[in-house]
Amino acid sequence: MSKYELIIYWSKDDDAFVVEVPELPGCMADGATYEEAVANAQAAIREWVETAEAIGRPIPQPKGRLMYA
C-alpha cells in the first residue's frame, strides 16, 4: 500500500467511484465499488512510479494530507 494521498468520490456520470492521486500528476483510477477503486488506484500508483523511473522523471515523496484536501 502506498502512502500517497487518495481523493475518492462517487461520479454519478460514470456510475463509479473515482480516485485521484494529487501528488502524482495524471494518476487516477476508478471502480464499481470503493474497494475496487482503491485497489485500482494502488495499481495505477505502481505503474506511474515504474514509468517515471523508466523515463528518468523525478518521483515525488509522499507528503500525506495536502493543505487543500
N, C-alpha and C. Protein backbone atom coordinates (compact mmCIF):
# COMPACT_ATOMS: atom_id res chain seq x y z
N MET A 1 0.84 -1.18 0.00
CA MET A 1 0.00 0.00 0.00
C MET A 1 0.88 1.23 0.00
N SER A 2 0.58 2.16 -0.89
CA SER A 2 1.39 3.37 -0.97
C SER A 2 0.96 4.36 0.10
N LYS A 3 1.75 5.37 0.29
CA LYS A 3 1.44 6.40 1.27
C LYS A 3 1.01 7.70 0.62
N TYR A 4 0.70 7.67 -0.66
CA TYR A 4 0.20 8.86 -1.34
C TYR A 4 -1.25 9.11 -0.97
N GLU A 5 -1.59 10.37 -0.85
CA GLU A 5 -2.96 10.73 -0.54
C GLU A 5 -3.89 10.33 -1.68
N LEU A 6 -5.06 9.80 -1.32
CA LEU A 6 -6.08 9.45 -2.29
C LEU A 6 -7.31 10.31 -2.04
N ILE A 7 -7.85 10.87 -3.10
CA ILE A 7 -9.11 11.59 -3.02
C ILE A 7 -10.13 10.71 -3.74
N ILE A 8 -11.15 10.28 -2.99
CA ILE A 8 -12.11 9.31 -3.50
C ILE A 8 -13.50 9.93 -3.50
N TYR A 9 -14.19 9.81 -4.62
CA TYR A 9 -15.55 10.34 -4.69
C TYR A 9 -16.39 9.52 -5.66
N TRP A 10 -17.70 9.63 -5.51
CA TRP A 10 -18.63 8.95 -6.39
C TRP A 10 -18.92 9.83 -7.59
N SER A 11 -18.82 9.30 -8.79
CA SER A 11 -19.15 10.02 -10.01
C SER A 11 -20.47 9.48 -10.54
N LYS A 12 -21.50 10.30 -10.43
CA LYS A 12 -22.81 9.89 -10.95
C LYS A 12 -22.75 9.70 -12.47
N ASP A 13 -22.01 10.58 -13.14
CA ASP A 13 -21.90 10.48 -14.60
C ASP A 13 -21.26 9.17 -15.04
N ASP A 14 -20.25 8.72 -14.30
CA ASP A 14 -19.54 7.48 -14.65
C ASP A 14 -20.12 6.25 -13.95
N ASP A 15 -21.01 6.48 -12.98
CA ASP A 15 -21.58 5.40 -12.19
C ASP A 15 -20.48 4.56 -11.56
N ALA A 16 -19.48 5.26 -10.98
CA ALA A 16 -18.33 4.58 -10.40
C ALA A 16 -17.67 5.48 -9.35
N PHE A 17 -16.89 4.84 -8.48
CA PHE A 17 -16.03 5.59 -7.57
C PHE A 17 -14.79 6.01 -8.35
N VAL A 18 -14.36 7.23 -8.17
CA VAL A 18 -13.18 7.76 -8.83
C VAL A 18 -12.14 8.09 -7.76
N VAL A 19 -10.89 7.75 -8.04
CA VAL A 19 -9.79 8.03 -7.12
C VAL A 19 -8.77 8.90 -7.84
N GLU A 20 -8.42 10.02 -7.24
CA GLU A 20 -7.36 10.89 -7.75
C GLU A 20 -6.18 10.82 -6.79
N VAL A 21 -4.98 10.88 -7.35
CA VAL A 21 -3.75 10.90 -6.56
C VAL A 21 -3.07 12.24 -6.85
N PRO A 22 -3.40 13.29 -6.08
CA PRO A 22 -2.96 14.64 -6.44
C PRO A 22 -1.45 14.84 -6.49
N GLU A 23 -0.68 14.05 -5.75
CA GLU A 23 0.77 14.22 -5.75
C GLU A 23 1.44 13.64 -6.99
N LEU A 24 0.70 12.83 -7.76
CA LEU A 24 1.24 12.22 -8.98
C LEU A 24 0.39 12.71 -10.15
N PRO A 25 0.83 13.72 -10.85
CA PRO A 25 0.02 14.32 -11.92
C PRO A 25 -0.53 13.29 -12.91
N GLY A 26 -1.84 13.37 -13.11
CA GLY A 26 -2.50 12.49 -14.07
C GLY A 26 -2.82 11.10 -13.55
N CYS A 27 -2.46 10.81 -12.31
CA CYS A 27 -2.69 9.47 -11.76
C CYS A 27 -4.09 9.39 -11.19
N MET A 28 -4.94 8.57 -11.82
CA MET A 28 -6.32 8.38 -11.42
C MET A 28 -6.73 6.94 -11.67
N ALA A 29 -7.82 6.54 -11.03
CA ALA A 29 -8.39 5.21 -11.26
C ALA A 29 -9.87 5.27 -10.90
N ASP A 30 -10.58 4.21 -11.24
CA ASP A 30 -11.98 4.13 -10.86
C ASP A 30 -12.35 2.68 -10.59
N GLY A 31 -13.57 2.48 -10.09
CA GLY A 31 -14.04 1.14 -9.82
C GLY A 31 -15.51 1.15 -9.47
N ALA A 32 -16.15 0.02 -9.64
CA ALA A 32 -17.58 -0.10 -9.35
C ALA A 32 -17.85 -0.03 -7.86
N THR A 33 -16.88 -0.45 -7.04
CA THR A 33 -17.01 -0.36 -5.58
C THR A 33 -15.86 0.49 -5.05
N TYR A 34 -16.02 0.94 -3.81
CA TYR A 34 -14.98 1.72 -3.14
C TYR A 34 -13.68 0.91 -3.10
N GLU A 35 -13.79 -0.34 -2.68
CA GLU A 35 -12.61 -1.20 -2.55
C GLU A 35 -11.92 -1.43 -3.89
N GLU A 36 -12.72 -1.66 -4.93
CA GLU A 36 -12.15 -1.87 -6.27
C GLU A 36 -11.44 -0.61 -6.75
N ALA A 37 -12.03 0.55 -6.50
CA ALA A 37 -11.42 1.81 -6.92
C ALA A 37 -10.07 2.03 -6.21
N VAL A 38 -10.02 1.74 -4.92
CA VAL A 38 -8.76 1.90 -4.17
C VAL A 38 -7.71 0.91 -4.67
N ALA A 39 -8.10 -0.33 -4.91
CA ALA A 39 -7.16 -1.33 -5.44
C ALA A 39 -6.64 -0.90 -6.80
N ASN A 40 -7.52 -0.40 -7.65
CA ASN A 40 -7.10 0.07 -8.97
C ASN A 40 -6.17 1.28 -8.85
N ALA A 41 -6.42 2.13 -7.86
CA ALA A 41 -5.55 3.29 -7.64
C ALA A 41 -4.16 2.84 -7.20
N GLN A 42 -4.09 1.82 -6.35
CA GLN A 42 -2.78 1.31 -5.92
C GLN A 42 -2.00 0.77 -7.12
N ALA A 43 -2.69 0.10 -8.02
CA ALA A 43 -2.04 -0.40 -9.24
C ALA A 43 -1.59 0.76 -10.12
N ALA A 44 -2.42 1.79 -10.23
CA ALA A 44 -2.07 2.96 -11.04
C ALA A 44 -0.87 3.68 -10.46
N ILE A 45 -0.78 3.75 -9.14
CA ILE A 45 0.38 4.38 -8.49
C ILE A 45 1.65 3.60 -8.82
N ARG A 46 1.59 2.28 -8.69
CA ARG A 46 2.77 1.45 -9.01
C ARG A 46 3.20 1.67 -10.46
N GLU A 47 2.24 1.68 -11.38
CA GLU A 47 2.56 1.89 -12.79
C GLU A 47 3.10 3.29 -13.04
N TRP A 48 2.54 4.30 -12.36
CA TRP A 48 3.02 5.68 -12.51
C TRP A 48 4.48 5.76 -12.09
N VAL A 49 4.80 5.18 -10.93
CA VAL A 49 6.18 5.21 -10.40
C VAL A 49 7.12 4.44 -11.32
N GLU A 50 6.71 3.26 -11.78
CA GLU A 50 7.56 2.47 -12.68
C GLU A 50 7.84 3.22 -13.98
N THR A 51 6.83 3.87 -14.52
CA THR A 51 7.01 4.63 -15.75
C THR A 51 7.93 5.82 -15.52
N ALA A 52 7.74 6.52 -14.42
CA ALA A 52 8.60 7.67 -14.10
C ALA A 52 10.06 7.22 -13.97
N GLU A 53 10.29 6.10 -13.30
CA GLU A 53 11.65 5.58 -13.16
C GLU A 53 12.24 5.24 -14.53
N ALA A 54 11.44 4.61 -15.38
CA ALA A 54 11.92 4.17 -16.69
C ALA A 54 12.31 5.34 -17.59
N ILE A 55 11.62 6.47 -17.46
CA ILE A 55 11.93 7.60 -18.33
C ILE A 55 12.75 8.69 -17.62
N GLY A 56 13.15 8.41 -16.39
CA GLY A 56 14.04 9.33 -15.68
C GLY A 56 13.37 10.55 -15.08
N ARG A 57 12.07 10.48 -14.85
CA ARG A 57 11.37 11.60 -14.21
C ARG A 57 11.49 11.49 -12.69
N PRO A 58 11.52 12.64 -12.01
CA PRO A 58 11.55 12.58 -10.54
C PRO A 58 10.24 12.03 -9.98
N ILE A 59 10.34 11.33 -8.89
CA ILE A 59 9.17 10.75 -8.23
C ILE A 59 8.97 11.49 -6.92
N PRO A 60 7.85 12.19 -6.79
CA PRO A 60 7.61 12.93 -5.55
C PRO A 60 7.50 12.00 -4.35
N GLN A 61 8.04 12.43 -3.23
CA GLN A 61 7.88 11.69 -1.99
C GLN A 61 6.48 11.94 -1.45
N PRO A 62 5.83 10.92 -0.90
CA PRO A 62 4.50 11.14 -0.32
C PRO A 62 4.58 12.16 0.80
N LYS A 63 3.66 13.12 0.80
CA LYS A 63 3.64 14.16 1.82
C LYS A 63 2.51 13.95 2.81
N GLY A 64 1.64 13.02 2.54
CA GLY A 64 0.49 12.83 3.41
C GLY A 64 -0.60 13.82 3.05
N ARG A 65 -1.37 14.20 4.03
CA ARG A 65 -2.51 15.09 3.78
C ARG A 65 -2.04 16.43 3.22
N LEU A 66 -2.63 16.79 2.09
CA LEU A 66 -2.29 18.05 1.46
C LEU A 66 -3.13 19.18 2.05
N MET A 67 -2.66 20.39 1.93
CA MET A 67 -3.32 21.54 2.51
C MET A 67 -4.72 21.77 1.93
N TYR A 68 -4.90 21.48 0.65
CA TYR A 68 -6.17 21.78 0.01
C TYR A 68 -7.17 20.62 0.08
N ALA A 69 -6.73 19.52 0.59
CA ALA A 69 -7.61 18.33 0.60
C ALA A 69 -8.59 18.38 1.75
